[in-house]
C-alpha atoms as a PDB file:
ATOM      1  CA  VAL A   1       0.000   0.000   0.000  1.00  0.00           C
ATOM      2  CA  ILE A   2       2.831   2.358   0.831  1.00  0.00           C
ATOM      3  CA  LEU A   3       4.552   1.685  -2.501  1.00  0.00           C
ATOM      4  CA  ASN A   4       1.503   2.263  -4.731  1.00  0.00           C
ATOM      5  CA  THR A   5       2.201   5.913  -5.525  1.00  0.00           C
ATOM      6  CA  PRO A   6       6.013   5.681  -5.899  1.00  0.00           C
ATOM      7  CA  VAL A   7       5.771   2.622  -8.172  1.00  0.00           C
ATOM      8  CA  THR A   8       3.144   4.322 -10.337  1.00  0.00           C
ATOM      9  CA  HIS A   9       5.259   7.481 -10.602  1.00  0.00           C
ATOM     10  CA  LEU A  10       8.367   5.442 -11.426  1.00  0.00           C
ATOM     11  CA  LEU A  11       6.644   3.532 -14.226  1.00  0.00           C
ATOM     12  CA  ALA A  12       5.136   6.714 -15.692  1.00  0.00           C
ATOM     13  CA  LYS A  13       8.445   8.551 -16.124  1.00  0.00           C
ATOM     14  CA  ASP A  14       9.288   9.837 -19.609  1.00  0.00           C
ATOM     15  CA  TRP A  15      12.964   8.958 -19.403  1.00  0.00           C
ATOM     16  CA  HIS A  16      12.127   5.250 -19.846  1.00  0.00           C
ATOM     17  CA  MET A  17      11.608   6.022 -23.549  1.00  0.00           C
ATOM     18  CA  LYS A  18      15.399   6.041 -23.982  1.00  0.00           C
ATOM     19  CA  THR A  19      15.430   2.264 -23.489  1.00  0.00           C
ATOM     20  CA  ALA A  20      12.118   1.449 -25.213  1.00  0.00           C
ATOM     21  CA  LEU A  21      13.765  -0.195 -28.214  1.00  0.00           C
ATOM     22  CA  GLU A  22      16.229  -2.272 -26.191  1.00  0.00           C
ATOM     23  CA  ARG A  23      15.403  -5.832 -25.175  1.00  0.00           C
ATOM     24  CA  PRO A  24      15.111  -6.338 -22.263  1.00  0.00           C
ATOM     25  CA  ASN A  25      14.434  -2.789 -21.183  1.00  0.00           C
ATOM     26  CA  CYS A  26      14.049  -1.211 -17.768  1.00  0.00           C
ATOM     27  CA  VAL A  27      10.249  -1.120 -17.828  1.00  0.00           C
ATOM     28  CA  GLN A  28      10.008  -4.790 -18.799  1.00  0.00           C
ATOM     29  CA  MET A  29      12.124  -5.730 -15.781  1.00  0.00           C
ATOM     30  CA  LEU A  30      10.142  -3.524 -13.406  1.00  0.00           C
ATOM     31  CA  VAL A  31       6.786  -4.836 -14.628  1.00  0.00           C
ATOM     32  CA  GLU A  32       8.047  -8.430 -14.511  1.00  0.00           C
ATOM     33  CA  GLY A  33       9.143  -7.895 -10.909  1.00  0.00           C
ATOM     34  CA  ILE A  34       5.765  -6.436 -10.005  1.00  0.00           C
ATOM     35  CA  SER A  35       3.964  -9.357 -11.640  1.00  0.00           C
ATOM     36  CA  LEU A  36       5.875 -11.795  -9.422  1.00  0.00           C
ATOM     37  CA  CYS A  37       4.840 -10.051  -6.182  1.00  0.00           C
ATOM     38  CA  HIS A  38       2.290 -11.711  -3.921  1.00  0.00           C
ATOM     39  CA  HIS A  39       0.847  -8.353  -2.848  1.00  0.00           C
ATOM     40  CA  LEU A  40       0.551  -6.385  -6.059  1.00  0.00           C
ATOM     41  CA  PRO A  41       0.986  -2.609  -5.977  1.00  0.00           C
ATOM     42  CA  ASP A  42      -2.088  -0.861  -7.316  1.00  0.00           C
ATOM     43  CA  VAL A  43      -0.791   0.332 -10.679  1.00  0.00           C
ATOM     44  CA  PRO A  44      -3.620   1.862 -12.759  1.00  0.00           C
ATOM     45  CA  SER A  45      -4.864  -0.425 -15.513  1.00  0.00           C
ATOM     46  CA  GLU A  46      -4.542   2.314 -18.157  1.00  0.00           C
ATOM     47  CA  LEU A  47      -0.860   2.705 -17.268  1.00  0.00           C
ATOM     48  CA  LEU A  48      -0.407  -1.054 -17.656  1.00  0.00           C
ATOM     49  CA  ARG A  49      -1.980  -0.871 -21.125  1.00  0.00           C
ATOM     50  CA  TYR A  50       0.397   1.937 -22.095  1.00  0.00           C
ATOM     51  CA  LEU A  51       3.426   0.048 -20.743  1.00  0.00           C
ATOM     52  CA  ALA A  52       2.435  -3.139 -22.547  1.00  0.00           C
ATOM     53  CA  ARG A  53       2.064  -1.399 -25.902  1.00  0.00           C
ATOM     54  CA  THR A  54       5.029   0.964 -25.646  1.00  0.00           C
ATOM     55  CA  TYR A  55       7.646  -1.213 -23.970  1.00  0.00           C
ATOM     56  CA  ASN A  56       6.604  -4.637 -25.278  1.00  0.00           C
ATOM     57  CA  SER A  57       5.746  -5.953 -21.820  1.00  0.00           C
ATOM     58  CA  TRP A  58       2.500  -7.589 -22.916  1.00  0.00           C
ATOM     59  CA  TYR A  59       2.518 -10.768 -20.898  1.00  0.00           C
ATOM     60  CA  SER A  60       3.750  -9.253 -17.644  1.00  0.00           C
ATOM     61  CA  CYS A  61       1.021  -6.602 -17.761  1.00  0.00           C
ATOM     62  CA  ILE A  62      -1.576  -9.238 -18.636  1.00  0.00           C
ATOM     63  CA  SER A  63      -0.356 -11.334 -15.714  1.00  0.00           C
ATOM     64  CA  ILE A  64      -0.814  -8.405 -13.309  1.00  0.00           C
ATOM     65  CA  LEU A  65      -4.331  -7.696 -14.573  1.00  0.00           C
ATOM     66  CA  GLU A  66      -5.340 -11.358 -14.422  1.00  0.00           C
ATOM     67  CA  LYS A  67      -4.024 -11.716 -10.872  1.00  0.00           C
ATOM     68  CA  ARG A  68      -6.012  -8.669  -9.809  1.00  0.00           C
ATOM     69  CA  LEU A  69      -9.205  -9.833 -11.476  1.00  0.00           C
ATOM     70  CA  PHE A  70      -9.140 -13.528 -10.708  1.00  0.00           C
ATOM     71  CA  LEU A  71      -7.093 -13.861  -7.493  1.00  0.00           C
ATOM     72  CA  HIS A  72      -7.623 -10.542  -5.692  1.00  0.00           C
ATOM     73  CA  HIS A  73     -11.092  -9.710  -7.023  1.00  0.00           C
ATOM     74  CA  ASP A  74     -12.469  -9.120  -3.506  1.00  0.00           C
ATOM     75  CA  GLN A  75     -10.213  -6.055  -3.129  1.00  0.00           C
ATOM     76  CA  LEU A  76     -11.479  -4.273  -6.280  1.00  0.00           C
ATOM     77  CA  SER A  77     -14.380  -1.872  -6.593  1.00  0.00           C
ATOM     78  CA  ILE A  78     -16.992  -2.351  -9.333  1.00  0.00           C
ATOM     79  CA  ALA A  79     -15.653   0.577 -11.415  1.00  0.00           C
ATOM     80  CA  ASN A  80     -12.087  -0.639 -11.024  1.00  0.00           C
ATOM     81  CA  THR A  81     -13.076  -4.167 -12.028  1.00  0.00           C
ATOM     82  CA  SER A  82     -14.759  -2.858 -15.162  1.00  0.00           C
ATOM     83  CA  SER A  83     -11.653  -0.866 -16.088  1.00  0.00           C
ATOM     84  CA  HIS A  84      -9.419  -3.913 -15.582  1.00  0.00           C
ATOM     85  CA  TYR A  85     -11.670  -6.074 -17.768  1.00  0.00           C
ATOM     86  CA  GLU A  86     -11.660  -3.473 -20.549  1.00  0.00           C
ATOM     87  CA  VAL A  87      -7.871  -3.109 -20.501  1.00  0.00           C
ATOM     88  CA  LEU A  88      -7.345  -6.876 -20.374  1.00  0.00           C
ATOM     89  CA  CYS A  89      -9.674  -7.415 -23.339  1.00  0.00           C
ATOM     90  CA  SER A  90      -7.927  -4.591 -25.195  1.00  0.00           C
ATOM     91  CA  LEU A  91      -4.499  -6.181 -24.668  1.00  0.00           C
ATOM     92  CA  TYR A  92      -5.710  -9.597 -25.795  1.00  0.00           C
ATOM     93  CA  SER A  93      -7.327  -7.981 -28.818  1.00  0.00           C
ATOM     94  CA  ASP A  94      -4.038  -6.248 -29.695  1.00  0.00           C
ATOM     95  CA  LEU A  95      -2.322  -9.638 -29.546  1.00  0.00           C
ATOM     96  CA  ASN A  96      -5.056 -11.174 -31.761  1.00  0.00           C
ATOM     97  CA  GLU A  97      -6.068 -13.560 -28.976  1.00  0.00           C
ATOM     98  CA  GLU A  98      -9.742 -13.416 -29.897  1.00  0.00           C
ATOM     99  CA  ASP A  99     -10.663 -16.673 -28.155  1.00  0.00           C
ATOM    100  CA  VAL A 100      -9.203 -15.556 -24.815  1.00  0.00           C
ATOM    101  CA  MET A 101     -10.820 -12.144 -25.178  1.00  0.00           C
ATOM    102  CA  ARG A 102     -14.231 -13.741 -25.755  1.00  0.00           C
ATOM    103  CA  GLY A 103     -13.687 -16.015 -22.765  1.00  0.00           C
ATOM    104  CA  ILE A 104     -13.027 -12.995 -20.573  1.00  0.00           C
ATOM    105  CA  TRP A 105     -16.120 -11.250 -21.915  1.00  0.00           C
ATOM    106  CA  LYS A 106     -18.109 -14.400 -21.255  1.00  0.00           C
ATOM    107  CA  ARG A 107     -16.898 -14.403 -17.665  1.00  0.00           C
ATOM    108  CA  ARG A 108     -17.644 -10.694 -17.323  1.00  0.00           C
ATOM    109  CA  VAL A 109     -21.230 -10.574 -18.586  1.00  0.00           C
ATOM    110  CA  GLN A 110     -24.067 -11.519 -16.291  1.00  0.00           C
ATOM    111  CA  ALA A 111     -27.072 -11.900 -18.575  1.00  0.00           C
ATOM    112  CA  GLU A 112     -27.592 -15.404 -19.950  1.00  0.00           C
ATOM    113  CA  HIS A 113     -28.535 -14.017 -23.391  1.00  0.00           C
ATOM    114  CA  SER A 114     -25.191 -12.236 -23.625  1.00  0.00           C
ATOM    115  CA  LYS A 115     -23.290 -15.420 -22.769  1.00  0.00           C
ATOM    116  CA  THR A 116     -25.222 -17.309 -25.434  1.00  0.00           C
ATOM    117  CA  SER A 117     -24.568 -14.670 -28.095  1.00  0.00           C
ATOM    118  CA  LEU A 118     -20.838 -14.682 -27.268  1.00  0.00           C
ATOM    119  CA  ALA A 119     -20.812 -18.448 -27.663  1.00  0.00           C
ATOM    120  CA  TYR A 120     -22.246 -18.120 -31.190  1.00  0.00           C
ATOM    121  CA  GLU A 121     -19.552 -15.679 -32.375  1.00  0.00           C
END
């Protein structure tokens, strides 16, 4: 909890762009380290989407979002959960993982008609 703000500020710094084309880069290592934590810092989901797209840290960011949604879901508010689902679906869509994206949508929706229509796609 104490590290939430400093970690978010560290990941949002502009000077990481200097290493964006290097593999592995600084942001990839930081995000990978965060994804391995048992108590995840609360990094905003929109920042994770930006980091995944800009610094090629797709799977680490997806891992963080999935852990928050599926393991620590009791700690999230409804609005925060919705934001995490949208970002996770967006990342899977960017990776052309349509089947996983539909599975997440199927888990997200609550109406039976919506689940049926997703199954027919």
